[in-house]
Amino acid sequence: DLVMAVGTTALFPYIIQPVVIAGRTGKLTVEINPENTMLSDHVDYSLRGPAGGYLPLIEEALRGGE
């Protein structure tokens, strides 16, 4: 249901392809990286910043804000 690319420069096909394929099949795609990458224009959400800042917030949201 969700594919995330976290903290990668996304220079290699084995990183890019699963995210692009997931997006084409209607899955939610998210990139977390301080800088734009080759994936930035192909994901639903491209979050700029460190993974350590975003991942705890995403986890909390997925848990329902516990």
N, C-alpha and C. Protein backbone atom coordinates (compact mmCIF):
# COMPACT_ATOMS: atom_id res chain seq x y z
N ASP A 1 0.81 -1.21 0.00
CA ASP A 1 0.00 0.00 0.00
C ASP A 1 0.85 1.27 0.00
N LEU A 2 2.07 1.18 0.50
CA LEU A 2 2.95 2.34 0.63
C LEU A 2 4.38 1.92 0.34
N VAL A 3 5.06 2.71 -0.50
CA VAL A 3 6.48 2.49 -0.76
C VAL A 3 7.20 3.79 -0.44
N MET A 4 8.24 3.67 0.38
CA MET A 4 9.02 4.84 0.77
C MET A 4 10.47 4.66 0.36
N ALA A 5 11.06 5.72 -0.16
CA ALA A 5 12.49 5.77 -0.43
C ALA A 5 13.06 6.78 0.56
N VAL A 6 13.93 6.31 1.43
CA VAL A 6 14.40 7.15 2.53
C VAL A 6 15.92 7.25 2.50
N GLY A 7 16.40 8.50 2.43
CA GLY A 7 17.83 8.75 2.56
C GLY A 7 18.69 8.13 1.49
N THR A 8 18.25 8.15 0.26
CA THR A 8 19.03 7.59 -0.84
C THR A 8 19.15 8.61 -1.96
N THR A 9 20.25 8.55 -2.67
CA THR A 9 20.41 9.44 -3.82
C THR A 9 19.62 8.96 -5.02
N ALA A 10 19.10 7.74 -4.95
CA ALA A 10 18.26 7.16 -6.01
C ALA A 10 18.97 7.15 -7.36
N LEU A 11 20.19 6.72 -7.34
CA LEU A 11 20.96 6.66 -8.59
C LEU A 11 20.91 5.31 -9.27
N PHE A 12 20.40 4.31 -8.61
CA PHE A 12 20.46 2.95 -9.13
C PHE A 12 19.07 2.42 -9.46
N PRO A 13 18.94 1.67 -10.54
CA PRO A 13 17.63 1.14 -10.95
C PRO A 13 16.95 0.30 -9.87
N TYR A 14 17.70 -0.45 -9.08
CA TYR A 14 17.07 -1.28 -8.06
C TYR A 14 16.43 -0.45 -6.94
N ILE A 15 16.74 0.82 -6.88
CA ILE A 15 16.08 1.72 -5.94
C ILE A 15 14.91 2.43 -6.63
N ILE A 16 15.12 2.89 -7.83
CA ILE A 16 14.12 3.68 -8.55
C ILE A 16 12.94 2.83 -9.01
N GLN A 17 13.20 1.69 -9.61
CA GLN A 17 12.14 0.89 -10.24
C GLN A 17 11.02 0.49 -9.29
N PRO A 18 11.29 -0.03 -8.10
CA PRO A 18 10.16 -0.41 -7.23
C PRO A 18 9.26 0.76 -6.88
N VAL A 19 9.84 1.93 -6.70
CA VAL A 19 9.04 3.11 -6.36
C VAL A 19 8.18 3.54 -7.56
N VAL A 20 8.78 3.59 -8.72
CA VAL A 20 8.04 3.99 -9.93
C VAL A 20 6.94 2.97 -10.25
N ILE A 21 7.25 1.70 -10.15
CA ILE A 21 6.24 0.65 -10.42
C ILE A 21 5.10 0.76 -9.42
N ALA A 22 5.42 0.98 -8.16
CA ALA A 22 4.38 1.12 -7.14
C ALA A 22 3.46 2.30 -7.47
N GLY A 23 4.05 3.40 -7.87
CA GLY A 23 3.24 4.57 -8.23
C GLY A 23 2.34 4.31 -9.43
N ARG A 24 2.85 3.59 -10.40
CA ARG A 24 2.05 3.27 -11.59
C ARG A 24 0.89 2.34 -11.29
N THR A 25 1.01 1.57 -10.22
CA THR A 25 -0.06 0.64 -9.85
C THR A 25 -0.97 1.20 -8.77
N GLY A 26 -0.85 2.50 -8.52
CA GLY A 26 -1.77 3.16 -7.60
C GLY A 26 -1.37 3.15 -6.14
N LYS A 27 -0.17 2.69 -5.84
CA LYS A 27 0.30 2.70 -4.45
C LYS A 27 0.80 4.10 -4.09
N LEU A 28 0.71 4.43 -2.84
CA LEU A 28 1.21 5.70 -2.33
C LEU A 28 2.74 5.64 -2.29
N THR A 29 3.40 6.68 -2.81
CA THR A 29 4.85 6.71 -2.82
C THR A 29 5.35 7.97 -2.12
N VAL A 30 6.39 7.79 -1.32
CA VAL A 30 6.95 8.89 -0.54
C VAL A 30 8.47 8.83 -0.62
N GLU A 31 9.07 9.98 -0.78
CA GLU A 31 10.53 10.10 -0.74
C GLU A 31 10.88 11.02 0.42
N ILE A 32 11.85 10.61 1.23
CA ILE A 32 12.36 11.47 2.29
C ILE A 32 13.86 11.62 2.05
N ASN A 33 14.27 12.86 1.80
CA ASN A 33 15.67 13.13 1.50
C ASN A 33 15.91 14.63 1.64
N PRO A 34 17.07 15.02 2.10
CA PRO A 34 17.35 16.46 2.20
C PRO A 34 17.40 17.17 0.85
N GLU A 35 17.69 16.43 -0.22
CA GLU A 35 17.83 17.05 -1.54
C GLU A 35 16.93 16.36 -2.57
N ASN A 36 16.67 17.04 -3.67
CA ASN A 36 15.94 16.41 -4.77
C ASN A 36 16.76 15.26 -5.34
N THR A 37 16.04 14.24 -5.82
CA THR A 37 16.70 13.09 -6.46
C THR A 37 15.97 12.79 -7.76
N MET A 38 16.42 11.76 -8.43
CA MET A 38 15.75 11.34 -9.67
C MET A 38 14.31 10.88 -9.41
N LEU A 39 13.99 10.55 -8.17
CA LEU A 39 12.64 10.10 -7.82
C LEU A 39 11.69 11.25 -7.49
N SER A 40 12.23 12.40 -7.18
CA SER A 40 11.41 13.50 -6.64
C SER A 40 10.19 13.84 -7.49
N ASP A 41 10.31 13.77 -8.80
CA ASP A 41 9.19 14.10 -9.68
C ASP A 41 8.25 12.93 -9.92
N HIS A 42 8.55 11.77 -9.34
CA HIS A 42 7.76 10.57 -9.62
C HIS A 42 7.01 10.04 -8.39
N VAL A 43 7.14 10.72 -7.26
CA VAL A 43 6.49 10.25 -6.04
C VAL A 43 5.30 11.14 -5.71
N ASP A 44 4.39 10.60 -4.90
CA ASP A 44 3.24 11.38 -4.46
C ASP A 44 3.67 12.49 -3.49
N TYR A 45 4.60 12.15 -2.60
CA TYR A 45 5.09 13.12 -1.62
C TYR A 45 6.60 13.07 -1.57
N SER A 46 7.22 14.23 -1.72
CA SER A 46 8.66 14.34 -1.64
C SER A 46 8.96 15.26 -0.45
N LEU A 47 9.42 14.68 0.62
CA LEU A 47 9.66 15.42 1.86
C LEU A 47 11.13 15.79 1.96
N ARG A 48 11.42 17.07 2.09
CA ARG A 48 12.79 17.55 2.17
C ARG A 48 13.23 17.69 3.61
N GLY A 49 14.20 16.90 3.99
CA GLY A 49 14.75 16.98 5.34
C GLY A 49 15.32 15.64 5.74
N PRO A 50 15.86 15.58 6.95
CA PRO A 50 16.48 14.33 7.42
C PRO A 50 15.42 13.28 7.79
N ALA A 51 15.76 12.03 7.51
CA ALA A 51 14.85 10.92 7.83
C ALA A 51 14.50 10.90 9.32
N GLY A 52 15.47 11.21 10.16
CA GLY A 52 15.24 11.18 11.60
C GLY A 52 14.20 12.18 12.07
N GLY A 53 13.93 13.17 11.26
CA GLY A 53 12.88 14.14 11.60
C GLY A 53 11.51 13.70 11.14
N TYR A 54 11.44 13.05 9.98
CA TYR A 54 10.16 12.66 9.40
C TYR A 54 9.66 11.29 9.85
N LEU A 55 10.53 10.32 9.96
CA LEU A 55 10.08 8.95 10.26
C LEU A 55 9.32 8.84 11.58
N PRO A 56 9.76 9.49 12.67
CA PRO A 56 8.94 9.41 13.89
C PRO A 56 7.54 10.01 13.72
N LEU A 57 7.44 11.06 12.93
CA LEU A 57 6.12 11.68 12.69
C LEU A 57 5.23 10.76 11.87
N ILE A 58 5.80 10.10 10.88
CA ILE A 58 5.03 9.16 10.06
C ILE A 58 4.58 7.97 10.91
N GLU A 59 5.49 7.46 11.74
CA GLU A 59 5.13 6.35 12.62
C GLU A 59 3.98 6.74 13.54
N GLU A 60 4.05 7.91 14.11
CA GLU A 60 3.00 8.37 15.01
C GLU A 60 1.67 8.49 14.28
N ALA A 61 1.70 9.02 13.06
CA ALA A 61 0.48 9.15 12.28
C ALA A 61 -0.12 7.79 11.94
N LEU A 62 0.75 6.84 11.58
CA LEU A 62 0.26 5.50 11.24
C LEU A 62 -0.32 4.77 12.45
N ARG A 63 0.18 5.09 13.62
CA ARG A 63 -0.35 4.48 14.85
C ARG A 63 -1.61 5.18 15.33
N GLY A 64 -2.01 6.23 14.64
CA GLY A 64 -3.23 6.93 15.04
C GLY A 64 -3.01 8.01 16.05
N GLY A 65 -1.79 8.53 16.13
CA GLY A 65 -1.51 9.63 17.05
C GLY A 65 -1.45 9.23 18.51
N GLU A 66 -1.05 8.02 18.78
CA GLU A 66 -0.98 7.53 20.18
C GLU A 66 -0.18 8.45 21.05
